[in-house]
Amino acid sequence: MTARPPEDPRGARVARRVAVDPETVGRDLACLVLTVVELLRELMERQALRRIDEGDLSEDQVEALGVTLMALEQRMDELRDHFGLAPEDLDIDLGPLGPLLGSGP
């Protein structure tokens, strides 16, 4: 007995697109986790810049925030290198919405 692919609301069959390769599952998982971390890092950076522009932070807070964000970026570089990933490997194409990490136009 063969499993039928699930159907979408319009009745068309949806093809299964999950291909798991036991040789690369660790790297693929690292890529997914680092993608989420990179998205959060970019959001934190944008929030920090907004707060700086609005004058919500003292000079000491701005300095501490800058040091922290630079350290986080450096650690992300190290983790990407460790898993053999390029920055573009962490971006996900969301189709009509464009790239997840905003590396597009």
C-alpha atoms as a PDB file:
ATOM      1  CA  MET A   1       0.000   0.000   0.000  1.00  0.00           C
ATOM      2  CA  THR A   2       1.451   3.368  -1.028  1.00  0.00           C
ATOM      3  CA  ALA A   3       0.897   6.496   1.005  1.00  0.00           C
ATOM      4  CA  ARG A   4      -0.871   9.219  -0.935  1.00  0.00           C
ATOM      5  CA  PRO A   5       0.521  12.751  -0.686  1.00  0.00           C
ATOM      6  CA  PRO A   6      -1.641  15.187   1.272  1.00  0.00           C
ATOM      7  CA  GLU A   7      -4.016  17.383  -0.660  1.00  0.00           C
ATOM      8  CA  ASP A   8      -4.212  21.156  -0.557  1.00  0.00           C
ATOM      9  CA  PRO A   9      -7.582  22.929  -0.032  1.00  0.00           C
ATOM     10  CA  ARG A  10      -8.177  23.124  -3.801  1.00  0.00           C
ATOM     11  CA  GLY A  11      -7.868  19.346  -4.098  1.00  0.00           C
ATOM     12  CA  ALA A  12      -4.513  19.241  -5.890  1.00  0.00           C
ATOM     13  CA  ARG A  13      -1.975  16.825  -4.515  1.00  0.00           C
ATOM     14  CA  VAL A  14       0.945  18.341  -2.688  1.00  0.00           C
ATOM     15  CA  ALA A  15       4.270  16.673  -3.399  1.00  0.00           C
ATOM     16  CA  ARG A  16       6.438  15.755  -0.444  1.00  0.00           C
ATOM     17  CA  ARG A  17       9.535  17.946  -0.483  1.00  0.00           C
ATOM     18  CA  VAL A  18      11.377  16.737   2.562  1.00  0.00           C
ATOM     19  CA  ALA A  19      14.536  14.906   1.597  1.00  0.00           C
ATOM     20  CA  VAL A  20      16.616  13.778   4.543  1.00  0.00           C
ATOM     21  CA  ASP A  21      20.201  12.751   3.886  1.00  0.00           C
ATOM     22  CA  PRO A  22      21.770  11.016   6.909  1.00  0.00           C
ATOM     23  CA  GLU A  23      25.188  12.287   5.825  1.00  0.00           C
ATOM     24  CA  THR A  24      24.225  15.962   6.041  1.00  0.00           C
ATOM     25  CA  VAL A  25      21.503  16.017   8.687  1.00  0.00           C
ATOM     26  CA  GLY A  26      23.824  17.585  11.304  1.00  0.00           C
ATOM     27  CA  ARG A  27      24.947  20.351   8.957  1.00  0.00           C
ATOM     28  CA  ASP A  28      21.371  20.947   7.812  1.00  0.00           C
ATOM     29  CA  LEU A  29      20.171  21.235  11.403  1.00  0.00           C
ATOM     30  CA  ALA A  30      23.019  23.634  12.214  1.00  0.00           C
ATOM     31  CA  CYS A  31      22.053  25.697   9.164  1.00  0.00           C
ATOM     32  CA  LEU A  32      18.439  25.922  10.329  1.00  0.00           C
ATOM     33  CA  VAL A  33      19.394  26.875  13.895  1.00  0.00           C
ATOM     34  CA  LEU A  34      21.927  29.454  12.739  1.00  0.00           C
ATOM     35  CA  THR A  35      19.339  30.919  10.353  1.00  0.00           C
ATOM     36  CA  VAL A  36      16.962  31.509  13.260  1.00  0.00           C
ATOM     37  CA  VAL A  37      19.779  32.959  15.400  1.00  0.00           C
ATOM     38  CA  GLU A  38      20.875  35.252  12.550  1.00  0.00           C
ATOM     39  CA  LEU A  39      17.308  36.479  12.069  1.00  0.00           C
ATOM     40  CA  LEU A  40      17.058  37.276  15.785  1.00  0.00           C
ATOM     41  CA  ARG A  41      20.480  38.973  15.723  1.00  0.00           C
ATOM     42  CA  GLU A  42      19.408  41.203  12.835  1.00  0.00           C
ATOM     43  CA  LEU A  43      16.151  42.083  14.591  1.00  0.00           C
ATOM     44  CA  MET A  44      18.040  42.946  17.800  1.00  0.00           C
ATOM     45  CA  GLU A  45      20.436  45.123  15.826  1.00  0.00           C
ATOM     46  CA  ARG A  46      17.588  47.004  14.150  1.00  0.00           C
ATOM     47  CA  GLN A  47      15.856  47.506  17.493  1.00  0.00           C
ATOM     48  CA  ALA A  48      19.105  48.782  19.022  1.00  0.00           C
ATOM     49  CA  LEU A  49      19.617  51.260  16.176  1.00  0.00           C
ATOM     50  CA  ARG A  50      16.042  52.492  16.547  1.00  0.00           C
ATOM     51  CA  ARG A  51      16.555  53.041  20.288  1.00  0.00           C
ATOM     52  CA  ILE A  52      19.839  54.845  19.652  1.00  0.00           C
ATOM     53  CA  ASP A  53      18.196  57.083  17.040  1.00  0.00           C
ATOM     54  CA  GLU A  54      15.392  57.909  19.476  1.00  0.00           C
ATOM     55  CA  GLY A  55      17.887  58.755  22.230  1.00  0.00           C
ATOM     56  CA  ASP A  56      16.540  56.134  24.635  1.00  0.00           C
ATOM     57  CA  LEU A  57      20.004  54.922  25.690  1.00  0.00           C
ATOM     58  CA  SER A  58      22.859  56.443  27.646  1.00  0.00           C
ATOM     59  CA  GLU A  59      26.362  56.544  26.158  1.00  0.00           C
ATOM     60  CA  ASP A  60      27.398  53.604  28.365  1.00  0.00           C
ATOM     61  CA  GLN A  61      24.407  51.586  27.192  1.00  0.00           C
ATOM     62  CA  VAL A  62      25.174  52.376  23.556  1.00  0.00           C
ATOM     63  CA  GLU A  63      28.785  51.270  24.071  1.00  0.00           C
ATOM     64  CA  ALA A  64      27.759  48.038  25.818  1.00  0.00           C
ATOM     65  CA  LEU A  65      25.196  47.295  23.126  1.00  0.00           C
ATOM     66  CA  GLY A  66      27.733  47.864  20.363  1.00  0.00           C
ATOM     67  CA  VAL A  67      30.286  45.570  22.003  1.00  0.00           C
ATOM     68  CA  THR A  68      27.652  42.874  22.551  1.00  0.00           C
ATOM     69  CA  LEU A  69      26.382  43.003  18.968  1.00  0.00           C
ATOM     70  CA  MET A  70      29.929  42.857  17.585  1.00  0.00           C
ATOM     71  CA  ALA A  71      30.718  39.847  19.793  1.00  0.00           C
ATOM     72  CA  LEU A  72      27.525  38.109  18.649  1.00  0.00           C
ATOM     73  CA  GLU A  73      28.372  38.761  15.004  1.00  0.00           C
ATOM     74  CA  GLN A  74      31.895  37.397  15.531  1.00  0.00           C
ATOM     75  CA  ARG A  75      30.527  34.267  17.207  1.00  0.00           C
ATOM     76  CA  MET A  76      28.089  33.745  14.315  1.00  0.00           C
ATOM     77  CA  ASP A  77      31.025  33.974  11.890  1.00  0.00           C
ATOM     78  CA  GLU A  78      32.890  31.349  13.920  1.00  0.00           C
ATOM     79  CA  LEU A  79      29.885  29.010  13.988  1.00  0.00           C
ATOM     80  CA  ARG A  80      29.310  29.380  10.238  1.00  0.00           C
ATOM     81  CA  ASP A  81      32.981  28.595   9.626  1.00  0.00           C
ATOM     82  CA  HIS A  82      32.806  25.584  11.954  1.00  0.00           C
ATOM     83  CA  PHE A  83      29.901  24.093   9.986  1.00  0.00           C
ATOM     84  CA  GLY A  84      31.258  25.168   6.587  1.00  0.00           C
ATOM     85  CA  LEU A  85      28.416  27.584   5.885  1.00  0.00           C
ATOM     86  CA  ALA A  86      28.495  30.856   3.971  1.00  0.00           C
ATOM     87  CA  PRO A  87      26.282  33.792   5.022  1.00  0.00           C
ATOM     88  CA  GLU A  88      24.038  33.188   1.998  1.00  0.00           C
ATOM     89  CA  ASP A  89      23.477  29.586   3.159  1.00  0.00           C
ATOM     90  CA  LEU A  90      21.484  30.977   6.086  1.00  0.00           C
ATOM     91  CA  ASP A  91      19.034  32.886   3.915  1.00  0.00           C
ATOM     92  CA  ILE A  92      15.723  31.263   3.038  1.00  0.00           C
ATOM     93  CA  ASP A  93      13.811  32.213  -0.091  1.00  0.00           C
ATOM     94  CA  LEU A  94      10.241  32.994   0.943  1.00  0.00           C
ATOM     95  CA  GLY A  95       8.999  33.115  -2.632  1.00  0.00           C
ATOM     96  CA  PRO A  96       6.943  36.233  -3.318  1.00  0.00           C
ATOM     97  CA  LEU A  97       8.007  37.717   0.046  1.00  0.00           C
ATOM     98  CA  GLY A  98      11.678  37.608  -0.926  1.00  0.00           C
ATOM     99  CA  PRO A  99      14.634  36.453   1.157  1.00  0.00           C
ATOM    100  CA  LEU A 100      14.131  35.936   4.900  1.00  0.00           C
ATOM    101  CA  LEU A 101      17.247  37.823   5.948  1.00  0.00           C
ATOM    102  CA  GLY A 102      16.690  40.737   3.603  1.00  0.00           C
ATOM    103  CA  SER A 103      19.776  40.265   1.464  1.00  0.00           C
ATOM    104  CA  GLY A 104      17.679  41.137  -1.584  1.00  0.00           C
ATOM    105  CA  PRO A 105      16.676  44.569  -2.899  1.00  0.00           C
END
